[in-house]
Amino acid sequence: MTARHNLAYWRGEAGDASGAALVFAEFLGDRTRVLGPDHPHTLSARHSLAHWRGEDQGPHLRPLARH
């Protein structure tokens, strides 16, 4: 599972945010099934999915950062 997480992460870092989000979406289902919905690794995968979905929207659609 760690290898799949890393593959999705580096796919996003390489510029394929859409592909990373797709892999994390598939991966989240497996993590939830195996570890449960409240396990820290499942929550980390959920966070990563949200992150890459946000990156996939482009900077004009992301919320403004608060300072």
PDB file of N, CA and C in Angstrom:
ATOM      1  N   MET A   1       0.817  -1.191   0.000  1.00  0.00           N
ATOM      2  CA  MET A   1       0.000   0.000   0.000  1.00  0.00           C
ATOM      3  C   MET A   1       0.863   1.257   0.000  1.00  0.00           C
ATOM      4  N   THR A   2       1.977   1.207   0.671  1.00  0.00           N
ATOM      5  CA  THR A   2       2.864   2.371   0.701  1.00  0.00           C
ATOM      6  C   THR A   2       3.372   2.691  -0.697  1.00  0.00           C
ATOM      7  N   ALA A   3       3.674   1.667  -1.459  1.00  0.00           N
ATOM      8  CA  ALA A   3       4.166   1.888  -2.820  1.00  0.00           C
ATOM      9  C   ALA A   3       3.105   2.583  -3.680  1.00  0.00           C
ATOM     10  N   ARG A   4       1.848   2.193  -3.537  1.00  0.00           N
ATOM     11  CA  ARG A   4       0.776   2.838  -4.309  1.00  0.00           C
ATOM     12  C   ARG A   4       0.606   4.296  -3.890  1.00  0.00           C
ATOM     13  N   HIS A   5       0.715   4.542  -2.600  1.00  0.00           N
ATOM     14  CA  HIS A   5       0.626   5.918  -2.095  1.00  0.00           C
ATOM     15  C   HIS A   5       1.749   6.763  -2.695  1.00  0.00           C
ATOM     16  N   ASN A   6       2.956   6.241  -2.637  1.00  0.00           N
ATOM     17  CA  ASN A   6       4.106   6.972  -3.177  1.00  0.00           C
ATOM     18  C   ASN A   6       3.998   7.180  -4.688  1.00  0.00           C
ATOM     19  N   LEU A   7       3.517   6.177  -5.400  1.00  0.00           N
ATOM     20  CA  LEU A   7       3.346   6.307  -6.845  1.00  0.00           C
ATOM     21  C   LEU A   7       2.365   7.428  -7.174  1.00  0.00           C
ATOM     22  N   ALA A   8       1.247   7.460  -6.466  1.00  0.00           N
ATOM     23  CA  ALA A   8       0.256   8.510  -6.709  1.00  0.00           C
ATOM     24  C   ALA A   8       0.830   9.885  -6.367  1.00  0.00           C
ATOM     25  N   TYR A   9       1.527   9.967  -5.246  1.00  0.00           N
ATOM     26  CA  TYR A   9       2.119  11.245  -4.823  1.00  0.00           C
ATOM     27  C   TYR A   9       3.087  11.768  -5.886  1.00  0.00           C
ATOM     28  N   TRP A  10       4.000  10.925  -6.318  1.00  0.00           N
ATOM     29  CA  TRP A  10       5.007  11.390  -7.273  1.00  0.00           C
ATOM     30  C   TRP A  10       4.410  11.648  -8.649  1.00  0.00           C
ATOM     31  N   ARG A  11       3.329  10.979  -8.964  1.00  0.00           N
ATOM     32  CA  ARG A  11       2.623  11.281 -10.209  1.00  0.00           C
ATOM     33  C   ARG A  11       2.110  12.721 -10.167  1.00  0.00           C
ATOM     34  N   GLY A  12       1.552  13.108  -9.037  1.00  0.00           N
ATOM     35  CA  GLY A  12       1.096  14.482  -8.874  1.00  0.00           C
ATOM     36  C   GLY A  12       2.236  15.476  -8.897  1.00  0.00           C
ATOM     37  N   GLU A  13       3.302  15.160  -8.208  1.00  0.00           N
ATOM     38  CA  GLU A  13       4.466  16.047  -8.179  1.00  0.00           C
ATOM     39  C   GLU A  13       5.078  16.221  -9.565  1.00  0.00           C
ATOM     40  N   ALA A  14       4.933  15.216 -10.402  1.00  0.00           N
ATOM     41  CA  ALA A  14       5.469  15.292 -11.768  1.00  0.00           C
ATOM     42  C   ALA A  14       4.571  16.112 -12.685  1.00  0.00           C
ATOM     43  N   GLY A  15       3.440  16.593 -12.158  1.00  0.00           N
ATOM     44  CA  GLY A  15       2.588  17.465 -12.943  1.00  0.00           C
ATOM     45  C   GLY A  15       1.256  16.862 -13.356  1.00  0.00           C
ATOM     46  N   ASP A  16       1.008  15.623 -12.972  1.00  0.00           N
ATOM     47  CA  ASP A  16      -0.239  14.967 -13.351  1.00  0.00           C
ATOM     48  C   ASP A  16      -1.179  14.917 -12.148  1.00  0.00           C
ATOM     49  N   ALA A  17      -1.724  16.084 -11.787  1.00  0.00           N
ATOM     50  CA  ALA A  17      -2.616  16.159 -10.623  1.00  0.00           C
ATOM     51  C   ALA A  17      -3.872  15.330 -10.839  1.00  0.00           C
ATOM     52  N   SER A  18      -4.391  15.319 -12.036  1.00  0.00           N
ATOM     53  CA  SER A  18      -5.587  14.540 -12.339  1.00  0.00           C
ATOM     54  C   SER A  18      -5.328  13.050 -12.166  1.00  0.00           C
ATOM     55  N   GLY A  19      -4.199  12.595 -12.660  1.00  0.00           N
ATOM     56  CA  GLY A  19      -3.828  11.181 -12.505  1.00  0.00           C
ATOM     57  C   GLY A  19      -3.603  10.806 -11.058  1.00  0.00           C
ATOM     58  N   ALA A  20      -2.973  11.699 -10.306  1.00  0.00           N
ATOM     59  CA  ALA A  20      -2.748  11.442  -8.884  1.00  0.00           C
ATOM     60  C   ALA A  20      -4.072  11.339  -8.142  1.00  0.00           C
ATOM     61  N   ALA A  21      -5.002  12.233  -8.452  1.00  0.00           N
ATOM     62  CA  ALA A  21      -6.316  12.196  -7.807  1.00  0.00           C
ATOM     63  C   ALA A  21      -7.043  10.894  -8.141  1.00  0.00           C
ATOM     64  N   LEU A  22      -6.938  10.442  -9.373  1.00  0.00           N
ATOM     65  CA  LEU A  22      -7.583   9.201  -9.778  1.00  0.00           C
ATOM     66  C   LEU A  22      -7.012   8.012  -8.997  1.00  0.00           C
ATOM     67  N   VAL A  23      -5.697   7.931  -8.900  1.00  0.00           N
ATOM     68  CA  VAL A  23      -5.066   6.833  -8.173  1.00  0.00           C
ATOM     69  C   VAL A  23      -5.430   6.899  -6.691  1.00  0.00           C
ATOM     70  N   PHE A  24      -5.411   8.092  -6.104  1.00  0.00           N
ATOM     71  CA  PHE A  24      -5.772   8.213  -4.693  1.00  0.00           C
ATOM     72  C   PHE A  24      -7.237   7.846  -4.463  1.00  0.00           C
ATOM     73  N   ALA A  25      -8.121   8.147  -5.398  1.00  0.00           N
ATOM     74  CA  ALA A  25      -9.534   7.782  -5.255  1.00  0.00           C
ATOM     75  C   ALA A  25      -9.691   6.260  -5.207  1.00  0.00           C
ATOM     76  N   GLU A  26      -9.001   5.563  -6.091  1.00  0.00           N
ATOM     77  CA  GLU A  26      -9.036   4.098  -6.088  1.00  0.00           C
ATOM     78  C   GLU A  26      -8.388   3.541  -4.823  1.00  0.00           C
ATOM     79  N   PHE A  27      -7.278   4.129  -4.459  1.00  0.00           N
ATOM     80  CA  PHE A  27      -6.499   3.691  -3.310  1.00  0.00           C
ATOM     81  C   PHE A  27      -7.266   3.888  -2.003  1.00  0.00           C
ATOM     82  N   LEU A  28      -8.019   4.974  -1.910  1.00  0.00           N
ATOM     83  CA  LEU A  28      -8.782   5.260  -0.698  1.00  0.00           C
ATOM     84  C   LEU A  28      -9.794   4.162  -0.407  1.00  0.00           C
ATOM     85  N   GLY A  29     -10.435   3.647  -1.432  1.00  0.00           N
ATOM     86  CA  GLY A  29     -11.375   2.545  -1.242  1.00  0.00           C
ATOM     87  C   GLY A  29     -10.717   1.322  -0.640  1.00  0.00           C
ATOM     88  N   ASP A  30      -9.522   1.003  -1.125  1.00  0.00           N
ATOM     89  CA  ASP A  30      -8.791  -0.149  -0.593  1.00  0.00           C
ATOM     90  C   ASP A  30      -8.351   0.086   0.847  1.00  0.00           C
ATOM     91  N   ARG A  31      -7.825   1.270   1.111  1.00  0.00           N
ATOM     92  CA  ARG A  31      -7.397   1.581   2.481  1.00  0.00           C
ATOM     93  C   ARG A  31      -8.565   1.513   3.453  1.00  0.00           C
ATOM     94  N   THR A  32      -9.704   2.048   3.044  1.00  0.00           N
ATOM     95  CA  THR A  32     -10.876   2.040   3.906  1.00  0.00           C
ATOM     96  C   THR A  32     -11.331   0.612   4.181  1.00  0.00           C
ATOM     97  N   ARG A  33     -11.330  -0.214   3.153  1.00  0.00           N
ATOM     98  CA  ARG A  33     -11.764  -1.599   3.302  1.00  0.00           C
ATOM     99  C   ARG A  33     -10.821  -2.386   4.208  1.00  0.00           C
ATOM    100  N   VAL A  34      -9.524  -2.195   4.045  1.00  0.00           N
ATOM    101  CA  VAL A  34      -8.539  -2.980   4.790  1.00  0.00           C
ATOM    102  C   VAL A  34      -8.304  -2.431   6.200  1.00  0.00           C
ATOM    103  N   LEU A  35      -8.179  -1.114   6.331  1.00  0.00           N
ATOM    104  CA  LEU A  35      -7.784  -0.520   7.609  1.00  0.00           C
ATOM    105  C   LEU A  35      -8.941   0.101   8.389  1.00  0.00           C
ATOM    106  N   GLY A  36     -10.039   0.397   7.705  1.00  0.00           N
ATOM    107  CA  GLY A  36     -11.157   1.062   8.353  1.00  0.00           C
ATOM    108  C   GLY A  36     -11.131   2.556   8.074  1.00  0.00           C
ATOM    109  N   PRO A  37     -12.281   3.216   8.217  1.00  0.00           N
ATOM    110  CA  PRO A  37     -12.392   4.621   7.840  1.00  0.00           C
ATOM    111  C   PRO A  37     -11.667   5.600   8.764  1.00  0.00           C
ATOM    112  N   ASP A  38     -11.376   5.207   9.991  1.00  0.00           N
ATOM    113  CA  ASP A  38     -10.758   6.127  10.947  1.00  0.00           C
ATOM    114  C   ASP A  38      -9.272   5.875  11.180  1.00  0.00           C
ATOM    115  N   HIS A  39      -8.700   4.941  10.455  1.00  0.00           N
ATOM    116  CA  HIS A  39      -7.276   4.648  10.617  1.00  0.00           C
ATOM    117  C   HIS A  39      -6.456   5.838  10.101  1.00  0.00           C
ATOM    118  N   PRO A  40      -5.355   6.177  10.757  1.00  0.00           N
ATOM    119  CA  PRO A  40      -4.538   7.321  10.317  1.00  0.00           C
ATOM    120  C   PRO A  40      -4.080   7.236   8.860  1.00  0.00           C
ATOM    121  N   HIS A  41      -3.763   6.052   8.377  1.00  0.00           N
ATOM    122  CA  HIS A  41      -3.324   5.917   6.982  1.00  0.00           C
ATOM    123  C   HIS A  41      -4.484   6.158   6.006  1.00  0.00           C
ATOM    124  N   THR A  42      -5.688   5.751   6.405  1.00  0.00           N
ATOM    125  CA  THR A  42      -6.862   6.023   5.584  1.00  0.00           C
ATOM    126  C   THR A  42      -7.124   7.525   5.537  1.00  0.00           C
ATOM    127  N   LEU A  43      -7.007   8.180   6.671  1.00  0.00           N
ATOM    128  CA  LEU A  43      -7.218   9.627   6.725  1.00  0.00           C
ATOM    129  C   LEU A  43      -6.161  10.371   5.908  1.00  0.00           C
ATOM    130  N   SER A  44      -4.946   9.863   5.919  1.00  0.00           N
ATOM    131  CA  SER A  44      -3.881  10.465   5.117  1.00  0.00           C
ATOM    132  C   SER A  44      -4.195  10.341   3.618  1.00  0.00           C
ATOM    133  N   ALA A  45      -4.694   9.191   3.215  1.00  0.00           N
ATOM    134  CA  ALA A  45      -5.062   8.999   1.812  1.00  0.00           C
ATOM    135  C   ALA A  45      -6.215   9.923   1.430  1.00  0.00           C
ATOM    136  N   ARG A  46      -7.160  10.100   2.331  1.00  0.00           N
ATOM    137  CA  ARG A  46      -8.289  11.008   2.069  1.00  0.00           C
ATOM    138  C   ARG A  46      -7.776  12.443   1.904  1.00  0.00           C
ATOM    139  N   HIS A  47      -6.845  12.830   2.751  1.00  0.00           N
ATOM    140  CA  HIS A  47      -6.251  14.172   2.659  1.00  0.00           C
ATOM    141  C   HIS A  47      -5.525  14.345   1.314  1.00  0.00           C
ATOM    142  N   SER A  48      -4.753  13.345   0.939  1.00  0.00           N
ATOM    143  CA  SER A  48      -4.014  13.424  -0.325  1.00  0.00           C
ATOM    144  C   SER A  48      -4.959  13.506  -1.514  1.00  0.00           C
ATOM    145  N   LEU A  49      -6.051  12.768  -1.474  1.00  0.00           N
ATOM    146  CA  LEU A  49      -7.040  12.842  -2.545  1.00  0.00           C
ATOM    147  C   LEU A  49      -7.598  14.264  -2.650  1.00  0.00           C
ATOM    148  N   ALA A  50      -7.959  14.850  -1.520  1.00  0.00           N
ATOM    149  CA  ALA A  50      -8.481  16.218  -1.533  1.00  0.00           C
ATOM    150  C   ALA A  50      -7.446  17.202  -2.069  1.00  0.00           C
ATOM    151  N   HIS A  51      -6.204  17.017  -1.661  1.00  0.00           N
ATOM    152  CA  HIS A  51      -5.126  17.895  -2.119  1.00  0.00           C
ATOM    153  C   HIS A  51      -4.990  17.853  -3.647  1.00  0.00           C
ATOM    154  N   TRP A  52      -4.902  16.654  -4.213  1.00  0.00           N
ATOM    155  CA  TRP A  52      -4.663  16.550  -5.649  1.00  0.00           C
ATOM    156  C   TRP A  52      -5.899  16.922  -6.454  1.00  0.00           C
ATOM    157  N   ARG A  53      -7.086  16.726  -5.889  1.00  0.00           N
ATOM    158  CA  ARG A  53      -8.281  17.227  -6.573  1.00  0.00           C
ATOM    159  C   ARG A  53      -8.249  18.754  -6.621  1.00  0.00           C
ATOM    160  N   GLY A  54      -7.801  19.368  -5.542  1.00  0.00           N
ATOM    161  CA  GLY A  54      -7.658  20.822  -5.519  1.00  0.00           C
ATOM    162  C   GLY A  54      -6.620  21.314  -6.504  1.00  0.00           C
ATOM    163  N   GLU A  55      -5.502  20.624  -6.581  1.00  0.00           N
ATOM    164  CA  GLU A  55      -4.458  20.995  -7.542  1.00  0.00           C
ATOM    165  C   GLU A  55      -4.948  20.836  -8.971  1.00  0.00           C
ATOM    166  N   ASP A  56      -5.790  19.858  -9.206  1.00  0.00           N
ATOM    167  CA  ASP A  56      -6.295  19.598 -10.545  1.00  0.00           C
ATOM    168  C   ASP A  56      -7.232  20.703 -11.027  1.00  0.00           C
ATOM    169  N   GLN A  57      -7.818  21.453 -10.116  1.00  0.00           N
ATOM    170  CA  GLN A  57      -8.743  22.517 -10.489  1.00  0.00           C
ATOM    171  C   GLN A  57      -8.033  23.738 -11.055  1.00  0.00           C
ATOM    172  N   GLY A  58      -6.779  23.888 -10.784  1.00  0.00           N
ATOM    173  CA  GLY A  58      -6.051  25.056 -11.264  1.00  0.00           C
ATOM    174  C   GLY A  58      -6.093  26.181 -10.246  1.00  0.00           C
ATOM    175  N   PRO A  59      -5.136  27.094 -10.318  1.00  0.00           N
ATOM    176  CA  PRO A  59      -5.019  28.148  -9.310  1.00  0.00           C
ATOM    177  C   PRO A  59      -6.205  29.110  -9.294  1.00  0.00           C
ATOM    178  N   HIS A  60      -6.883  29.301 -10.406  1.00  0.00           N
ATOM    179  CA  HIS A  60      -7.998  30.248 -10.446  1.00  0.00           C
ATOM    180  C   HIS A  60      -9.230  29.716  -9.710  1.00  0.00           C
ATOM    181  N   LEU A  61      -9.307  28.413  -9.431  1.00  0.00           N
ATOM    182  CA  LEU A  61     -10.456  27.860  -8.732  1.00  0.00           C
ATOM    183  C   LEU A  61     -10.176  27.505  -7.274  1.00  0.00           C
ATOM    184  N   ARG A  62      -8.921  27.564  -6.864  1.00  0.00           N
ATOM    185  CA  ARG A  62      -8.571  27.261  -5.475  1.00  0.00           C
ATOM    186  C   ARG A  62      -8.954  28.412  -4.576  1.00  0.00           C
ATOM    187  N   PRO A  63      -9.372  28.116  -3.362  1.00  0.00           N
ATOM    188  CA  PRO A  63      -9.676  29.218  -2.437  1.00  0.00           C
ATOM    189  C   PRO A  63      -8.423  30.036  -2.118  1.00  0.00           C
ATOM    190  N   LEU A  64      -8.619  31.301  -1.843  1.00  0.00           N
ATOM    191  CA  LEU A  64      -7.486  32.151  -1.489  1.00  0.00           C
ATOM    192  C   LEU A  64      -6.956  31.767  -0.116  1.00  0.00           C
ATOM    193  N   ALA A  65      -5.663  31.767   0.014  1.00  0.00           N
ATOM    194  CA  ALA A  65      -5.041  31.451   1.300  1.00  0.00           C
ATOM    195  C   ALA A  65      -5.245  32.610   2.268  1.00  0.00           C
ATOM    196  N   ARG A  66      -5.512  32.274   3.498  1.00  0.00           N
ATOM    197  CA  ARG A  66      -5.660  33.308   4.521  1.00  0.00           C
ATOM    198  C   ARG A  66      -4.314  33.540   5.196  1.00  0.00           C
ATOM    199  N   HIS A  67      -4.024  34.773   5.484  1.00  0.00           N
ATOM    200  CA  HIS A  67      -2.745  35.101   6.143  1.00  0.00           C
ATOM    201  C   HIS A  67      -2.977  35.494   7.563  1.00  0.00           C
TER     202      HIS A  67
END
